[in-house]
Amino acid sequence: MTDGFQRGVRMGVDVGNARVGTALSDPDGILATPLKTLRRDAKKNSDRRVLRKLIEVNNVVEIFVGLPKTMRGGESASTIMARDYATALRAELNAEGREHITIWLVDERLTTVSAHRALHEAGVSSRDFKAVVDQVAAVNILQYSLDALKAGQSVAGFKVSDPAHEAPSAEEWTAETANAEPREETDTESVAETENLQ
């Protein structure tokens, strides 16, 4: 995506099996900061209700949901989960008359890994580490997207439409990724479930 940057608060979302990490930017898109970790509720979707409230109270104009492709650009169960989550959120926002809020699915293969590394290097305790790692991953998703947009660069990702968007073909995804900033690779996966904040 290469749309020009417009002022407004943006949100990063890291979707996991047990938790959803969130982060917010300042209106000028300079810095992403941790916001909150939500507990996933696949049956009642209470996490998405809380997420929509956070979007409302913070006047969010654009959302970046991490899409965990495999290192070779393929799909996994986590990829499908994130895509379904973003599609459901798109439909819910539309139903509430908030079609103007844009949702993107962006390549986030390294964000959880980077979050773990940053917290370890900061000397965060194991208990606190598990509580905030999802927020830090969301910060990485958002900061990566902000930096690319502010620099006028392409971000590897695509817009979510309603009722169901179609994922780009392998060729389209490869083309998007080729235009994005290179990112360090690793095969490390995210770790175990823990309690969410608040």
C-alpha atoms as a PDB file:
ATOM      1  CA  MET A   1       0.000   0.000   0.000  1.00  0.00           C
ATOM      2  CA  THR A   2       1.346   3.408  -0.914  1.00  0.00           C
ATOM      3  CA  ASP A   3      -1.405   5.861   0.084  1.00  0.00           C
ATOM      4  CA  GLY A   4      -0.102   9.245   1.271  1.00  0.00           C
ATOM      5  CA  PHE A   5       0.051   9.866   5.010  1.00  0.00           C
ATOM      6  CA  GLN A   6      -2.868  11.746   6.568  1.00  0.00           C
ATOM      7  CA  ARG A   7      -2.916  12.987  10.143  1.00  0.00           C
ATOM      8  CA  GLY A   8      -4.833  10.872  12.687  1.00  0.00           C
ATOM      9  CA  VAL A   9      -4.476   8.242  15.414  1.00  0.00           C
ATOM     10  CA  ARG A  10      -3.640   4.777  14.120  1.00  0.00           C
ATOM     11  CA  MET A  11      -3.851   1.392  15.821  1.00  0.00           C
ATOM     12  CA  GLY A  12      -1.726  -1.739  15.603  1.00  0.00           C
ATOM     13  CA  VAL A  13      -3.304  -5.125  16.406  1.00  0.00           C
ATOM     14  CA  ASP A  14      -1.503  -8.404  17.084  1.00  0.00           C
ATOM     15  CA  VAL A  15      -3.966 -11.330  17.002  1.00  0.00           C
ATOM     16  CA  GLY A  16      -3.069 -14.511  18.882  1.00  0.00           C
ATOM     17  CA  ASN A  17      -4.827 -17.652  20.004  1.00  0.00           C
ATOM     18  CA  ALA A  18      -5.210 -16.450  23.588  1.00  0.00           C
ATOM     19  CA  ARG A  19      -4.679 -12.694  23.466  1.00  0.00           C
ATOM     20  CA  VAL A  20      -4.915  -9.633  21.255  1.00  0.00           C
ATOM     21  CA  GLY A  21      -2.271  -6.955  21.712  1.00  0.00           C
ATOM     22  CA  THR A  22      -3.033  -3.363  20.773  1.00  0.00           C
ATOM     23  CA  ALA A  23      -0.994  -0.199  20.273  1.00  0.00           C
ATOM     24  CA  LEU A  24      -1.721   3.410  19.326  1.00  0.00           C
ATOM     25  CA  SER A  25       0.148   6.157  17.521  1.00  0.00           C
ATOM     26  CA  ASP A  26       0.093   9.878  18.105  1.00  0.00           C
ATOM     27  CA  PRO A  27      -1.946  11.834  15.506  1.00  0.00           C
ATOM     28  CA  ASP A  28       1.231  12.772  13.622  1.00  0.00           C
ATOM     29  CA  GLY A  29       2.256   9.141  13.238  1.00  0.00           C
ATOM     30  CA  ILE A  30       5.638   9.543  14.898  1.00  0.00           C
ATOM     31  CA  LEU A  31       5.572   6.982  17.684  1.00  0.00           C
ATOM     32  CA  ALA A  32       3.638   3.782  18.421  1.00  0.00           C
ATOM     33  CA  THR A  33       2.996   3.029  22.105  1.00  0.00           C
ATOM     34  CA  PRO A  34       1.433   0.027  23.913  1.00  0.00           C
ATOM     35  CA  LEU A  35      -2.265   0.308  24.705  1.00  0.00           C
ATOM     36  CA  LYS A  36      -3.884  -2.859  26.101  1.00  0.00           C
ATOM     37  CA  THR A  37      -3.930  -6.652  25.890  1.00  0.00           C
ATOM     38  CA  LEU A  38      -7.332  -8.271  25.385  1.00  0.00           C
ATOM     39  CA  ARG A  39      -8.238 -11.874  26.135  1.00  0.00           C
ATOM     40  CA  ARG A  40      -9.501 -13.695  23.067  1.00  0.00           C
ATOM     41  CA  ASP A  41     -13.127 -14.832  23.265  1.00  0.00           C
ATOM     42  CA  ALA A  42     -13.861 -16.880  20.161  1.00  0.00           C
ATOM     43  CA  LYS A  43     -17.373 -17.814  21.340  1.00  0.00           C
ATOM     44  CA  LYS A  44     -18.792 -14.428  22.351  1.00  0.00           C
ATOM     45  CA  ASN A  45     -16.286 -12.155  20.602  1.00  0.00           C
ATOM     46  CA  SER A  46     -16.138  -9.883  23.644  1.00  0.00           C
ATOM     47  CA  ASP A  47     -12.573  -8.955  22.716  1.00  0.00           C
ATOM     48  CA  ARG A  48     -13.728  -7.384  19.464  1.00  0.00           C
ATOM     49  CA  ARG A  49     -16.431  -5.442  21.312  1.00  0.00           C
ATOM     50  CA  VAL A  50     -13.764  -4.003  23.597  1.00  0.00           C
ATOM     51  CA  LEU A  51     -11.515  -3.382  20.592  1.00  0.00           C
ATOM     52  CA  ARG A  52     -14.245  -1.443  18.800  1.00  0.00           C
ATOM     53  CA  LYS A  53     -14.748   0.663  21.932  1.00  0.00           C
ATOM     54  CA  LEU A  54     -11.016   1.408  22.062  1.00  0.00           C
ATOM     55  CA  ILE A  55     -11.165   2.414  18.402  1.00  0.00           C
ATOM     56  CA  GLU A  56     -14.054   4.757  19.178  1.00  0.00           C
ATOM     57  CA  VAL A  57     -12.713   6.467  22.310  1.00  0.00           C
ATOM     58  CA  ASN A  58      -9.289   7.001  20.744  1.00  0.00           C
ATOM     59  CA  ASN A  59     -10.704   8.338  17.449  1.00  0.00           C
ATOM     60  CA  VAL A  60      -8.716   5.801  15.426  1.00  0.00           C
ATOM     61  CA  VAL A  61      -8.700   6.464  11.679  1.00  0.00           C
ATOM     62  CA  GLU A  62      -6.684   3.478  10.445  1.00  0.00           C
ATOM     63  CA  ILE A  63      -5.907  -0.006  11.782  1.00  0.00           C
ATOM     64  CA  PHE A  64      -2.980  -2.303  10.967  1.00  0.00           C
ATOM     65  CA  VAL A  65      -3.596  -5.956  11.802  1.00  0.00           C
ATOM     66  CA  GLY A  66      -0.569  -8.223  11.680  1.00  0.00           C
ATOM     67  CA  LEU A  67      -0.730 -11.087   9.185  1.00  0.00           C
ATOM     68  CA  PRO A  68       1.727 -13.855  10.194  1.00  0.00           C
ATOM     69  CA  LYS A  69       2.866 -15.332   6.901  1.00  0.00           C
ATOM     70  CA  THR A  70       5.423 -18.118   6.982  1.00  0.00           C
ATOM     71  CA  MET A  71       9.049 -17.205   6.287  1.00  0.00           C
ATOM     72  CA  ARG A  72       8.543 -18.319   2.678  1.00  0.00           C
ATOM     73  CA  GLY A  73       5.385 -16.247   2.287  1.00  0.00           C
ATOM     74  CA  GLY A  74       2.942 -19.117   2.736  1.00  0.00           C
ATOM     75  CA  GLU A  75      -0.099 -19.414   4.970  1.00  0.00           C
ATOM     76  CA  SER A  76      -0.628 -21.123   8.309  1.00  0.00           C
ATOM     77  CA  ALA A  77      -3.457 -21.485  10.814  1.00  0.00           C
ATOM     78  CA  SER A  78      -2.303 -18.200  12.356  1.00  0.00           C
ATOM     79  CA  THR A  79      -2.572 -16.480   8.967  1.00  0.00           C
ATOM     80  CA  ILE A  80      -6.165 -17.624   8.547  1.00  0.00           C
ATOM     81  CA  MET A  81      -7.030 -16.619  12.118  1.00  0.00           C
ATOM     82  CA  ALA A  82      -5.694 -13.084  11.682  1.00  0.00           C
ATOM     83  CA  ARG A  83      -7.411 -12.657   8.317  1.00  0.00           C
ATOM     84  CA  ASP A  84     -10.750 -13.877   9.677  1.00  0.00           C
ATOM     85  CA  TYR A  85     -10.403 -11.581  12.680  1.00  0.00           C
ATOM     86  CA  ALA A  86      -9.738  -8.536  10.508  1.00  0.00           C
ATOM     87  CA  THR A  87     -12.610  -9.412   8.159  1.00  0.00           C
ATOM     88  CA  ALA A  88     -15.027  -9.781  11.090  1.00  0.00           C
ATOM     89  CA  LEU A  89     -13.854  -6.464  12.533  1.00  0.00           C
ATOM     90  CA  ARG A  90     -14.395  -4.809   9.143  1.00  0.00           C
ATOM     91  CA  ALA A  91     -17.974  -6.089   8.968  1.00  0.00           C
ATOM     92  CA  GLU A  92     -18.693  -4.991  12.548  1.00  0.00           C
ATOM     93  CA  LEU A  93     -17.349  -1.489  12.010  1.00  0.00           C
ATOM     94  CA  ASN A  94     -19.354  -1.170   8.813  1.00  0.00           C
ATOM     95  CA  ALA A  95     -22.503  -2.250  10.663  1.00  0.00           C
ATOM     96  CA  GLU A  96     -21.853   0.563  13.143  1.00  0.00           C
ATOM     97  CA  GLY A  97     -21.528   3.115  10.351  1.00  0.00           C
ATOM     98  CA  ARG A  98     -17.745   3.412  10.632  1.00  0.00           C
ATOM     99  CA  GLU A  99     -16.860   2.511   7.055  1.00  0.00           C
ATOM    100  CA  HIS A 100     -14.387   5.408   6.962  1.00  0.00           C
ATOM    101  CA  ILE A 101     -11.963   3.542   9.244  1.00  0.00           C
ATOM    102  CA  THR A 102      -9.465   1.690   7.071  1.00  0.00           C
ATOM    103  CA  ILE A 103      -8.185  -1.751   8.061  1.00  0.00           C
ATOM    104  CA  TRP A 104      -5.008  -3.234   6.607  1.00  0.00           C
ATOM    105  CA  LEU A 105      -3.510  -6.682   6.945  1.00  0.00           C
ATOM    106  CA  VAL A 106       0.265  -6.261   7.013  1.00  0.00           C
ATOM    107  CA  ASP A 107       3.164  -8.689   7.032  1.00  0.00           C
ATOM    108  CA  GLU A 108       4.139  -9.313  10.665  1.00  0.00           C
ATOM    109  CA  ARG A 109       6.337 -12.360  10.438  1.00  0.00           C
ATOM    110  CA  LEU A 110       8.992 -10.930  12.746  1.00  0.00           C
ATOM    111  CA  THR A 111       7.030  -8.761  15.176  1.00  0.00           C
ATOM    112  CA  THR A 112       6.521 -11.342  17.939  1.00  0.00           C
ATOM    113  CA  VAL A 113      10.135 -12.422  17.628  1.00  0.00           C
ATOM    114  CA  SER A 114      11.272  -8.797  17.845  1.00  0.00           C
ATOM    115  CA  ALA A 115       9.010  -8.231  20.841  1.00  0.00           C
ATOM    116  CA  HIS A 116      10.504 -11.186  22.721  1.00  0.00           C
ATOM    117  CA  ARG A 117      14.043 -10.029  21.946  1.00  0.00           C
ATOM    118  CA  ALA A 118      13.372  -6.433  23.020  1.00  0.00           C
ATOM    119  CA  LEU A 119      11.818  -7.478  26.322  1.00  0.00           C
ATOM    120  CA  HIS A 120      14.620  -9.900  27.109  1.00  0.00           C
ATOM    121  CA  GLU A 121      17.216  -7.240  26.357  1.00  0.00           C
ATOM    122  CA  ALA A 122      15.337  -4.798  28.593  1.00  0.00           C
ATOM    123  CA  GLY A 123      15.548  -7.251  31.478  1.00  0.00           C
ATOM    124  CA  VAL A 124      11.779  -7.602  31.868  1.00  0.00           C
ATOM    125  CA  SER A 125      10.816 -10.368  34.324  1.00  0.00           C
ATOM    126  CA  SER A 126       9.166 -13.539  33.017  1.00  0.00           C
ATOM    127  CA  ARG A 127       5.830 -12.677  34.612  1.00  0.00           C
ATOM    128  CA  ASP A 128       5.752  -9.114  33.274  1.00  0.00           C
ATOM    129  CA  PHE A 129       7.190 -10.279  29.950  1.00  0.00           C
ATOM    130  CA  LYS A 130       4.259 -12.594  29.325  1.00  0.00           C
ATOM    131  CA  ALA A 131       1.791  -9.860  30.189  1.00  0.00           C
ATOM    132  CA  VAL A 132       3.085  -7.249  27.733  1.00  0.00           C
ATOM    133  CA  VAL A 133       4.632  -9.175  24.844  1.00  0.00           C
ATOM    134  CA  ASP A 134       1.444  -8.942  22.762  1.00  0.00           C
ATOM    135  CA  GLN A 135       1.338  -5.181  23.172  1.00  0.00           C
ATOM    136  CA  VAL A 136       4.973  -4.907  22.152  1.00  0.00           C
ATOM    137  CA  ALA A 137       4.251  -7.008  19.053  1.00  0.00           C
ATOM    138  CA  ALA A 138       1.383  -4.629  18.221  1.00  0.00           C
ATOM    139  CA  VAL A 139       3.758  -1.681  18.691  1.00  0.00           C
ATOM    140  CA  ASN A 140       6.181  -3.271  16.214  1.00  0.00           C
ATOM    141  CA  ILE A 141       3.400  -3.835  13.658  1.00  0.00           C
ATOM    142  CA  LEU A 142       2.255  -0.241  13.963  1.00  0.00           C
ATOM    143  CA  GLN A 143       5.695   1.376  14.067  1.00  0.00           C
ATOM    144  CA  TYR A 144       6.819  -0.541  10.997  1.00  0.00           C
ATOM    145  CA  SER A 145       3.729   0.643   9.115  1.00  0.00           C
ATOM    146  CA  LEU A 146       4.054   4.238  10.325  1.00  0.00           C
ATOM    147  CA  ASP A 147       7.712   4.473   9.370  1.00  0.00           C
ATOM    148  CA  ALA A 148       7.016   3.166   5.884  1.00  0.00           C
ATOM    149  CA  LEU A 149       4.059   5.488   5.328  1.00  0.00           C
ATOM    150  CA  LYS A 150       5.905   8.548   6.629  1.00  0.00           C
ATOM    151  CA  ALA A 151       8.830   7.740   4.326  1.00  0.00           C
ATOM    152  CA  GLY A 152       6.517   7.337   1.342  1.00  0.00           C
ATOM    153  CA  GLN A 153       7.420   3.667   1.037  1.00  0.00           C
ATOM    154  CA  SER A 154       5.237   0.670   0.286  1.00  0.00           C
ATOM    155  CA  VAL A 155       4.129  -1.523   3.198  1.00  0.00           C
ATOM    156  CA  ALA A 156       3.706  -5.235   2.524  1.00  0.00           C
ATOM    157  CA  GLY A 157      -0.014  -5.684   2.991  1.00  0.00           C
ATOM    158  CA  PHE A 158      -3.488  -5.141   1.644  1.00  0.00           C
ATOM    159  CA  LYS A 159      -6.775  -3.480   2.572  1.00  0.00           C
ATOM    160  CA  VAL A 160      -9.582  -5.486   4.170  1.00  0.00           C
ATOM    161  CA  SER A 161     -12.957  -5.091   2.472  1.00  0.00           C
ATOM    162  CA  ASP A 162     -16.443  -6.202   3.474  1.00  0.00           C
ATOM    163  CA  PRO A 163     -18.109  -8.687   3.600  1.00  0.00           C
ATOM    164  CA  ALA A 164     -14.995 -10.703   2.838  1.00  0.00           C
ATOM    165  CA  HIS A 165     -11.824  -9.540   1.182  1.00  0.00           C
ATOM    166  CA  GLU A 166      -9.845 -11.723  -1.129  1.00  0.00           C
ATOM    167  CA  ALA A 167      -6.241 -12.275  -0.208  1.00  0.00           C
ATOM    168  CA  PRO A 168      -3.779 -11.296  -2.947  1.00  0.00           C
ATOM    169  CA  SER A 169      -2.284 -13.968  -5.096  1.00  0.00           C
ATOM    170  CA  ALA A 170       1.206 -15.246  -4.354  1.00  0.00           C
ATOM    171  CA  GLU A 171       2.510 -13.040  -7.167  1.00  0.00           C
ATOM    172  CA  GLU A 172       0.763  -9.935  -5.774  1.00  0.00           C
ATOM    173  CA  TRP A 173       1.996 -10.634  -2.254  1.00  0.00           C
ATOM    174  CA  THR A 174       5.545 -11.154  -3.517  1.00  0.00           C
ATOM    175  CA  ALA A 175       5.389  -7.856  -5.397  1.00  0.00           C
ATOM    176  CA  GLU A 176       4.186  -6.008  -2.280  1.00  0.00           C
ATOM    177  CA  THR A 177       6.884  -7.572  -0.148  1.00  0.00           C
ATOM    178  CA  ALA A 178       9.587  -6.770  -2.691  1.00  0.00           C
ATOM    179  CA  ASN A 179       8.765  -3.064  -2.336  1.00  0.00           C
ATOM    180  CA  ALA A 180       8.792  -3.107   1.464  1.00  0.00           C
ATOM    181  CA  GLU A 181      11.720  -2.507   3.755  1.00  0.00           C
ATOM    182  CA  PRO A 182      13.747  -5.704   4.318  1.00  0.00           C
ATOM    183  CA  ARG A 183      13.272  -7.379   7.685  1.00  0.00           C
ATOM    184  CA  GLU A 184      15.497  -9.721   9.659  1.00  0.00           C
ATOM    185  CA  GLU A 185      14.438 -13.361   9.429  1.00  0.00           C
ATOM    186  CA  THR A 186      14.167 -16.045  12.084  1.00  0.00           C
ATOM    187  CA  ASP A 187      12.208 -19.228  12.575  1.00  0.00           C
ATOM    188  CA  THR A 188      11.268 -18.523  16.181  1.00  0.00           C
ATOM    189  CA  GLU A 189       7.529 -18.743  16.893  1.00  0.00           C
ATOM    190  CA  SER A 190       5.457 -17.016  19.557  1.00  0.00           C
ATOM    191  CA  VAL A 191       5.216 -18.583  22.991  1.00  0.00           C
ATOM    192  CA  ALA A 192       2.737 -19.896  25.504  1.00  0.00           C
ATOM    193  CA  GLU A 193      -0.573 -18.401  26.645  1.00  0.00           C
ATOM    194  CA  THR A 194      -0.711 -16.208  29.690  1.00  0.00           C
ATOM    195  CA  GLU A 195      -3.101 -13.953  31.515  1.00  0.00           C
ATOM    196  CA  ASN A 196      -3.910 -10.690  29.756  1.00  0.00           C
ATOM    197  CA  LEU A 197      -3.660  -7.273  31.314  1.00  0.00           C
ATOM    198  CA  GLN A 198      -6.710  -5.933  33.115  1.00  0.00           C
END
